[in-house]
C-alpha atoms as a PDB file:
ATOM      1  CA  UNK A   1      36.037  -8.123  -5.452  1.00  0.00           C
ATOM      2  CA  UNK A   2      35.262  -5.170  -7.697  1.00  0.00           C
ATOM      3  CA  UNK A   3      35.238  -1.569  -6.485  1.00  0.00           C
ATOM      4  CA  UNK A   4      31.474  -1.328  -6.984  1.00  0.00           C
ATOM      5  CA  UNK A   5      30.843  -4.214  -4.592  1.00  0.00           C
ATOM      6  CA  UNK A   6      33.396  -2.985  -2.053  1.00  0.00           C
ATOM      7  CA  UNK A   7      31.911   0.529  -2.011  1.00  0.00           C
ATOM      8  CA  UNK A   8      28.297  -0.610  -1.860  1.00  0.00           C
ATOM      9  CA  UNK A   9      28.669  -3.492   0.594  1.00  0.00           C
ATOM     10  CA  UNK A  10      27.894  -1.483   3.762  1.00  0.00           C
ATOM     11  CA  UNK A  11      24.739  -0.011   2.254  1.00  0.00           C
ATOM     12  CA  UNK A  12      23.671  -3.387   0.901  1.00  0.00           C
ATOM     13  CA  UNK A  13      24.022  -5.051   4.307  1.00  0.00           C
ATOM     14  CA  UNK A  14      22.293  -2.176   6.135  1.00  0.00           C
ATOM     15  CA  UNK A  15      19.356  -2.297   3.730  1.00  0.00           C
ATOM     16  CA  UNK A  16      18.313  -5.656   5.203  1.00  0.00           C
ATOM     17  CA  UNK A  17      18.045  -4.217   8.722  1.00  0.00           C
ATOM     18  CA  UNK A  18      14.293  -3.464   8.886  1.00  0.00           C
ATOM     19  CA  UNK A  19      12.215  -1.312   6.557  1.00  0.00           C
ATOM     20  CA  UNK A  20      13.835   1.756   8.088  1.00  0.00           C
ATOM     21  CA  UNK A  21      17.262   0.471   7.055  1.00  0.00           C
ATOM     22  CA  UNK A  22      16.036  -0.008   3.492  1.00  0.00           C
ATOM     23  CA  UNK A  23      14.601   3.525   3.369  1.00  0.00           C
ATOM     24  CA  UNK A  24      17.729   5.134   4.844  1.00  0.00           C
ATOM     25  CA  UNK A  25      20.078   3.283   2.506  1.00  0.00           C
ATOM     26  CA  UNK A  26      17.805   4.169  -0.404  1.00  0.00           C
ATOM     27  CA  UNK A  27      18.218   7.833   0.497  1.00  0.00           C
ATOM     28  CA  UNK A  28      21.993   7.567   0.966  1.00  0.00           C
ATOM     29  CA  UNK A  29      22.455   5.678  -2.293  1.00  0.00           C
ATOM     30  CA  UNK A  30      20.418   8.206  -4.307  1.00  0.00           C
ATOM     31  CA  UNK A  31      23.531  10.347  -4.832  1.00  0.00           C
ATOM     32  CA  UNK A  32      26.161   7.746  -5.755  1.00  0.00           C
ATOM     33  CA  UNK A  33      23.879   5.178  -7.432  1.00  0.00           C
ATOM     34  CA  UNK A  34      26.056   2.195  -6.552  1.00  0.00           C
ATOM     35  CA  UNK A  35      24.676  -0.733  -8.577  1.00  0.00           C
ATOM     36  CA  UNK A  36      25.490  -3.366  -5.943  1.00  0.00           C
ATOM     37  CA  UNK A  37      23.785  -1.387  -3.183  1.00  0.00           C
ATOM     38  CA  UNK A  38      20.824  -0.641  -5.467  1.00  0.00           C
ATOM     39  CA  UNK A  39      20.371  -4.326  -6.235  1.00  0.00           C
ATOM     40  CA  UNK A  40      20.209  -5.267  -2.552  1.00  0.00           C
ATOM     41  CA  UNK A  41      18.115  -2.238  -1.597  1.00  0.00           C
ATOM     42  CA  UNK A  42      15.460  -3.381  -4.096  1.00  0.00           C
ATOM     43  CA  UNK A  43      15.629  -6.925  -2.710  1.00  0.00           C
ATOM     44  CA  UNK A  44      15.351  -5.793   0.928  1.00  0.00           C
ATOM     45  CA  UNK A  45      12.641  -3.205   0.260  1.00  0.00           C
ATOM     46  CA  UNK A  46      10.533  -5.705  -1.671  1.00  0.00           C
ATOM     47  CA  UNK A  47      10.984  -8.318   1.032  1.00  0.00           C
ATOM     48  CA  UNK A  48       9.890  -5.884   3.764  1.00  0.00           C
ATOM     49  CA  UNK A  49       6.814  -4.750   1.838  1.00  0.00           C
ATOM     50  CA  UNK A  50       5.810  -8.308   1.016  1.00  0.00           C
ATOM     51  CA  UNK A  51       6.291  -9.298   4.658  1.00  0.00           C
ATOM     52  CA  UNK A  52       3.908  -6.574   5.838  1.00  0.00           C
ATOM     53  CA  UNK A  53       1.275  -7.219   3.166  1.00  0.00           C
ATOM     54  CA  UNK A  54       1.237 -10.984   3.636  1.00  0.00           C
ATOM     55  CA  UNK A  55       1.544 -10.603   7.400  1.00  0.00           C
ATOM     56  CA  UNK A  56      -1.817  -8.859   7.539  1.00  0.00           C
ATOM     57  CA  UNK A  57      -3.379 -11.669   5.511  1.00  0.00           C
ATOM     58  CA  UNK A  58      -1.776 -14.358   7.680  1.00  0.00           C
ATOM     59  CA  UNK A  59      -3.326 -12.895  10.847  1.00  0.00           C
ATOM     60  CA  UNK A  60      -6.765 -13.868   9.503  1.00  0.00           C
ATOM     61  CA  UNK A  61      -5.859 -17.568   9.797  1.00  0.00           C
ATOM     62  CA  UNK A  62      -5.344 -17.345  13.560  1.00  0.00           C
ATOM     63  CA  UNK A  63      -3.311 -20.563  13.460  1.00  0.00           C
ATOM     64  CA  UNK A  64       0.058 -20.950  15.147  1.00  0.00           C
ATOM     65  CA  UNK A  65       1.322 -23.389  12.499  1.00  0.00           C
ATOM     66  CA  UNK A  66       0.570 -20.981   9.664  1.00  0.00           C
ATOM     67  CA  UNK A  67       2.156 -18.133  11.600  1.00  0.00           C
ATOM     68  CA  UNK A  68       5.343 -20.076  12.337  1.00  0.00           C
ATOM     69  CA  UNK A  69       5.552 -21.219   8.724  1.00  0.00           C
ATOM     70  CA  UNK A  70       5.217 -17.612   7.581  1.00  0.00           C
ATOM     71  CA  UNK A  71       7.960 -16.399   9.927  1.00  0.00           C
ATOM     72  CA  UNK A  72      10.330 -19.229   8.984  1.00  0.00           C
ATOM     73  CA  UNK A  73       9.711 -18.675   5.263  1.00  0.00           C
ATOM     74  CA  UNK A  74      10.534 -14.975   5.492  1.00  0.00           C
ATOM     75  CA  UNK A  75      13.509 -15.534   7.776  1.00  0.00           C
ATOM     76  CA  UNK A  76      15.032 -17.910   5.231  1.00  0.00           C
ATOM     77  CA  UNK A  77      14.458 -15.391   2.417  1.00  0.00           C
ATOM     78  CA  UNK A  78      15.891 -12.575   4.542  1.00  0.00           C
ATOM     79  CA  UNK A  79      18.918 -14.673   5.485  1.00  0.00           C
ATOM     80  CA  UNK A  80      19.543 -15.562   1.841  1.00  0.00           C
ATOM     81  CA  UNK A  81      19.554 -11.879   0.842  1.00  0.00           C
ATOM     82  CA  UNK A  82      21.525 -10.716   3.869  1.00  0.00           C
ATOM     83  CA  UNK A  83      24.263 -13.318   3.372  1.00  0.00           C
ATOM     84  CA  UNK A  84      24.402 -12.482  -0.335  1.00  0.00           C
ATOM     85  CA  UNK A  85      25.028  -8.829   0.518  1.00  0.00           C
ATOM     86  CA  UNK A  86      27.544  -9.758   3.195  1.00  0.00           C
ATOM     87  CA  UNK A  87      29.465 -12.004   0.781  1.00  0.00           C
ATOM     88  CA  UNK A  88      29.389  -9.457  -2.060  1.00  0.00           C
ATOM     89  CA  UNK A  89      27.171 -11.481  -4.411  1.00  0.00           C
ATOM     90  CA  UNK A  90      24.398 -10.451  -6.775  1.00  0.00           C
ATOM     91  CA  UNK A  91      21.980 -13.225  -5.789  1.00  0.00           C
ATOM     92  CA  UNK A  92      18.264 -12.658  -6.109  1.00  0.00           C
ATOM     93  CA  UNK A  93      16.054 -13.822  -3.288  1.00  0.00           C
ATOM     94  CA  UNK A  94      14.401 -17.118  -4.304  1.00  0.00           C
ATOM     95  CA  UNK A  95      10.851 -16.948  -5.672  1.00  0.00           C
ATOM     96  CA  UNK A  96      10.416 -13.159  -5.350  1.00  0.00           C
ATOM     97  CA  UNK A  97      13.810 -11.609  -6.143  1.00  0.00           C
ATOM     98  CA  UNK A  98      13.379 -11.161  -9.895  1.00  0.00           C
ATOM     99  CA  UNK A  99       9.942  -9.642  -9.337  1.00  0.00           C
ATOM    100  CA  UNK A 100      11.434  -7.141  -6.880  1.00  0.00           C
ATOM    101  CA  UNK A 101      14.121  -6.154  -9.394  1.00  0.00           C
ATOM    102  CA  UNK A 102      11.506  -5.494 -12.091  1.00  0.00           C
ATOM    103  CA  UNK A 103       8.952  -3.792  -9.836  1.00  0.00           C
ATOM    104  CA  UNK A 104      11.405  -1.490  -8.080  1.00  0.00           C
ATOM    105  CA  UNK A 105      13.743  -0.844 -11.020  1.00  0.00           C
ATOM    106  CA  UNK A 106      13.566   2.938 -10.400  1.00  0.00           C
ATOM    107  CA  UNK A 107      14.738   2.581  -6.789  1.00  0.00           C
ATOM    108  CA  UNK A 108      18.384   2.969  -5.984  1.00  0.00           C
END
């Protein structure tokens, strides 16, 4: 494993622990600018924002099946990103990961 991944692994993993974790790790990483941590901070931050935005829209359906599908979908995406950070891999979250990297390119 490279030094960049080893140094940024803790921040990358912590970024997936709620929106607060993403914001705190964003602040901590602003000094060192670790590329591995930055990659996962953008993934986690984008995932959290998308979860909140779509979550408000999902509440309009008032259907337990839609709600469970939403939660399962985001849990799988979160797990994919979290395990990628834990294993020291630069893996974008399926479907949305590349969009997050482009949209939040100034973060981290």
